Amino acid sequence: MAKGKVKIDKEKCKGCELCVEACPTDVLAMSDDYNSMGYHYSTPVNPDKCIACMSCAKVCPDVAIEVYREE
């Protein structure tokens, strides 16, 4: 199975949680911290579970997520 790495631009994230809901392997969760706009942002909490499916990046309306496939 493919392995991936999720990179989130916390300053672009507006806390909609769509990525958290879209992730089939529960890689993401909402941070307790705030970004400079005052939003909770998503963050990888189980990065080793990422399968590089890109579901999170596809649903992000703010284009705040990049997914890299690892070899």
C-alpha atoms as a PDB file:
ATOM      1  CA  MET A   1       0.000   0.000   0.000  1.00  0.00           C
ATOM      2  CA  ALA A   2       1.198   3.512  -0.770  1.00  0.00           C
ATOM      3  CA  LYS A   3       2.537   5.729   1.968  1.00  0.00           C
ATOM      4  CA  GLY A   4       2.015   9.459   1.996  1.00  0.00           C
ATOM      5  CA  LYS A   5       2.924  12.625   3.795  1.00  0.00           C
ATOM      6  CA  VAL A   6       0.395  15.386   4.446  1.00  0.00           C
ATOM      7  CA  LYS A   7       1.504  19.017   4.592  1.00  0.00           C
ATOM      8  CA  ILE A   8      -1.009  21.592   5.826  1.00  0.00           C
ATOM      9  CA  ASP A   9      -0.624  25.344   5.504  1.00  0.00           C
ATOM     10  CA  LYS A  10      -2.192  26.291   8.813  1.00  0.00           C
ATOM     11  CA  GLU A  11      -2.484  29.949   7.784  1.00  0.00           C
ATOM     12  CA  LYS A  12      -4.712  29.055   4.802  1.00  0.00           C
ATOM     13  CA  CYS A  13      -6.919  26.698   6.812  1.00  0.00           C
ATOM     14  CA  LYS A  14     -10.285  28.079   7.938  1.00  0.00           C
ATOM     15  CA  GLY A  15     -11.227  25.114  10.102  1.00  0.00           C
ATOM     16  CA  CYS A  16     -14.063  23.656   8.024  1.00  0.00           C
ATOM     17  CA  GLU A  17     -13.079  20.087   9.033  1.00  0.00           C
ATOM     18  CA  LEU A  18     -13.930  18.654   5.589  1.00  0.00           C
ATOM     19  CA  CYS A  19     -10.480  17.065   5.378  1.00  0.00           C
ATOM     20  CA  VAL A  20     -10.893  15.377   8.760  1.00  0.00           C
ATOM     21  CA  GLU A  21     -14.180  13.848   7.620  1.00  0.00           C
ATOM     22  CA  ALA A  22     -12.793  12.840   4.205  1.00  0.00           C
ATOM     23  CA  CYS A  23      -9.727  10.971   5.488  1.00  0.00           C
ATOM     24  CA  PRO A  24     -10.402   7.210   5.418  1.00  0.00           C
ATOM     25  CA  THR A  25      -7.523   6.411   7.810  1.00  0.00           C
ATOM     26  CA  ASP A  26      -8.049   9.115  10.473  1.00  0.00           C
ATOM     27  CA  VAL A  27      -4.755  10.883   9.802  1.00  0.00           C
ATOM     28  CA  LEU A  28      -6.096  14.378  10.499  1.00  0.00           C
ATOM     29  CA  ALA A  29      -7.714  16.140  13.436  1.00  0.00           C
ATOM     30  CA  MET A  30      -8.376  19.729  14.388  1.00  0.00           C
ATOM     31  CA  SER A  31      -5.672  21.443  16.402  1.00  0.00           C
ATOM     32  CA  ASP A  32      -6.385  22.989  19.772  1.00  0.00           C
ATOM     33  CA  ASP A  33      -4.240  25.936  18.636  1.00  0.00           C
ATOM     34  CA  TYR A  34      -5.346  28.847  16.445  1.00  0.00           C
ATOM     35  CA  ASN A  35      -3.817  30.322  13.313  1.00  0.00           C
ATOM     36  CA  SER A  36      -3.336  34.070  12.863  1.00  0.00           C
ATOM     37  CA  MET A  37      -6.935  34.428  11.606  1.00  0.00           C
ATOM     38  CA  GLY A  38      -8.308  32.849  14.787  1.00  0.00           C
ATOM     39  CA  TYR A  39      -9.294  29.471  13.311  1.00  0.00           C
ATOM     40  CA  HIS A  40      -8.519  26.020  14.612  1.00  0.00           C
ATOM     41  CA  TYR A  41      -6.615  24.321  11.797  1.00  0.00           C
ATOM     42  CA  SER A  42      -6.269  20.697  10.790  1.00  0.00           C
ATOM     43  CA  THR A  43      -3.104  18.834  11.628  1.00  0.00           C
ATOM     44  CA  PRO A  44      -1.768  15.314  11.076  1.00  0.00           C
ATOM     45  CA  VAL A  45      -2.206  13.327  14.300  1.00  0.00           C
ATOM     46  CA  ASN A  46      -1.563   9.878  12.807  1.00  0.00           C
ATOM     47  CA  PRO A  47       0.868  10.660   9.950  1.00  0.00           C
ATOM     48  CA  ASP A  48       2.042   7.050   9.636  1.00  0.00           C
ATOM     49  CA  LYS A  49      -1.468   6.016   8.581  1.00  0.00           C
ATOM     50  CA  CYS A  50      -1.466   8.232   5.442  1.00  0.00           C
ATOM     51  CA  ILE A  51      -2.025   6.198   2.274  1.00  0.00           C
ATOM     52  CA  ALA A  52      -1.622   9.154  -0.130  1.00  0.00           C
ATOM     53  CA  CYS A  53      -5.227   8.914  -1.336  1.00  0.00           C
ATOM     54  CA  MET A  54      -5.420  12.733  -1.495  1.00  0.00           C
ATOM     55  CA  SER A  55      -9.025  12.781  -0.283  1.00  0.00           C
ATOM     56  CA  CYS A  56      -8.178  15.563   2.154  1.00  0.00           C
ATOM     57  CA  ALA A  57      -6.560  17.760  -0.501  1.00  0.00           C
ATOM     58  CA  LYS A  58      -9.417  17.207  -2.938  1.00  0.00           C
ATOM     59  CA  VAL A  59     -12.089  18.465  -0.535  1.00  0.00           C
ATOM     60  CA  CYS A  60     -10.136  21.422   0.867  1.00  0.00           C
ATOM     61  CA  PRO A  61     -11.852  24.623  -0.354  1.00  0.00           C
ATOM     62  CA  ASP A  62      -8.880  26.739   0.725  1.00  0.00           C
ATOM     63  CA  VAL A  63      -6.174  24.693  -1.056  1.00  0.00           C
ATOM     64  CA  ALA A  64      -4.336  24.423   2.256  1.00  0.00           C
ATOM     65  CA  ILE A  65      -3.295  20.769   1.909  1.00  0.00           C
ATOM     66  CA  GLU A  66      -0.585  19.063  -0.119  1.00  0.00           C
ATOM     67  CA  VAL A  67      -0.080  15.307  -0.153  1.00  0.00           C
ATOM     68  CA  TYR A  68       3.205  13.724  -1.159  1.00  0.00           C
ATOM     69  CA  ARG A  69       3.562  10.076  -2.114  1.00  0.00           C
ATOM     70  CA  GLU A  70       6.594   8.440  -0.533  1.00  0.00           C
ATOM     71  CA  GLU A  71       8.542   5.734  -2.317  1.00  0.00           C
END
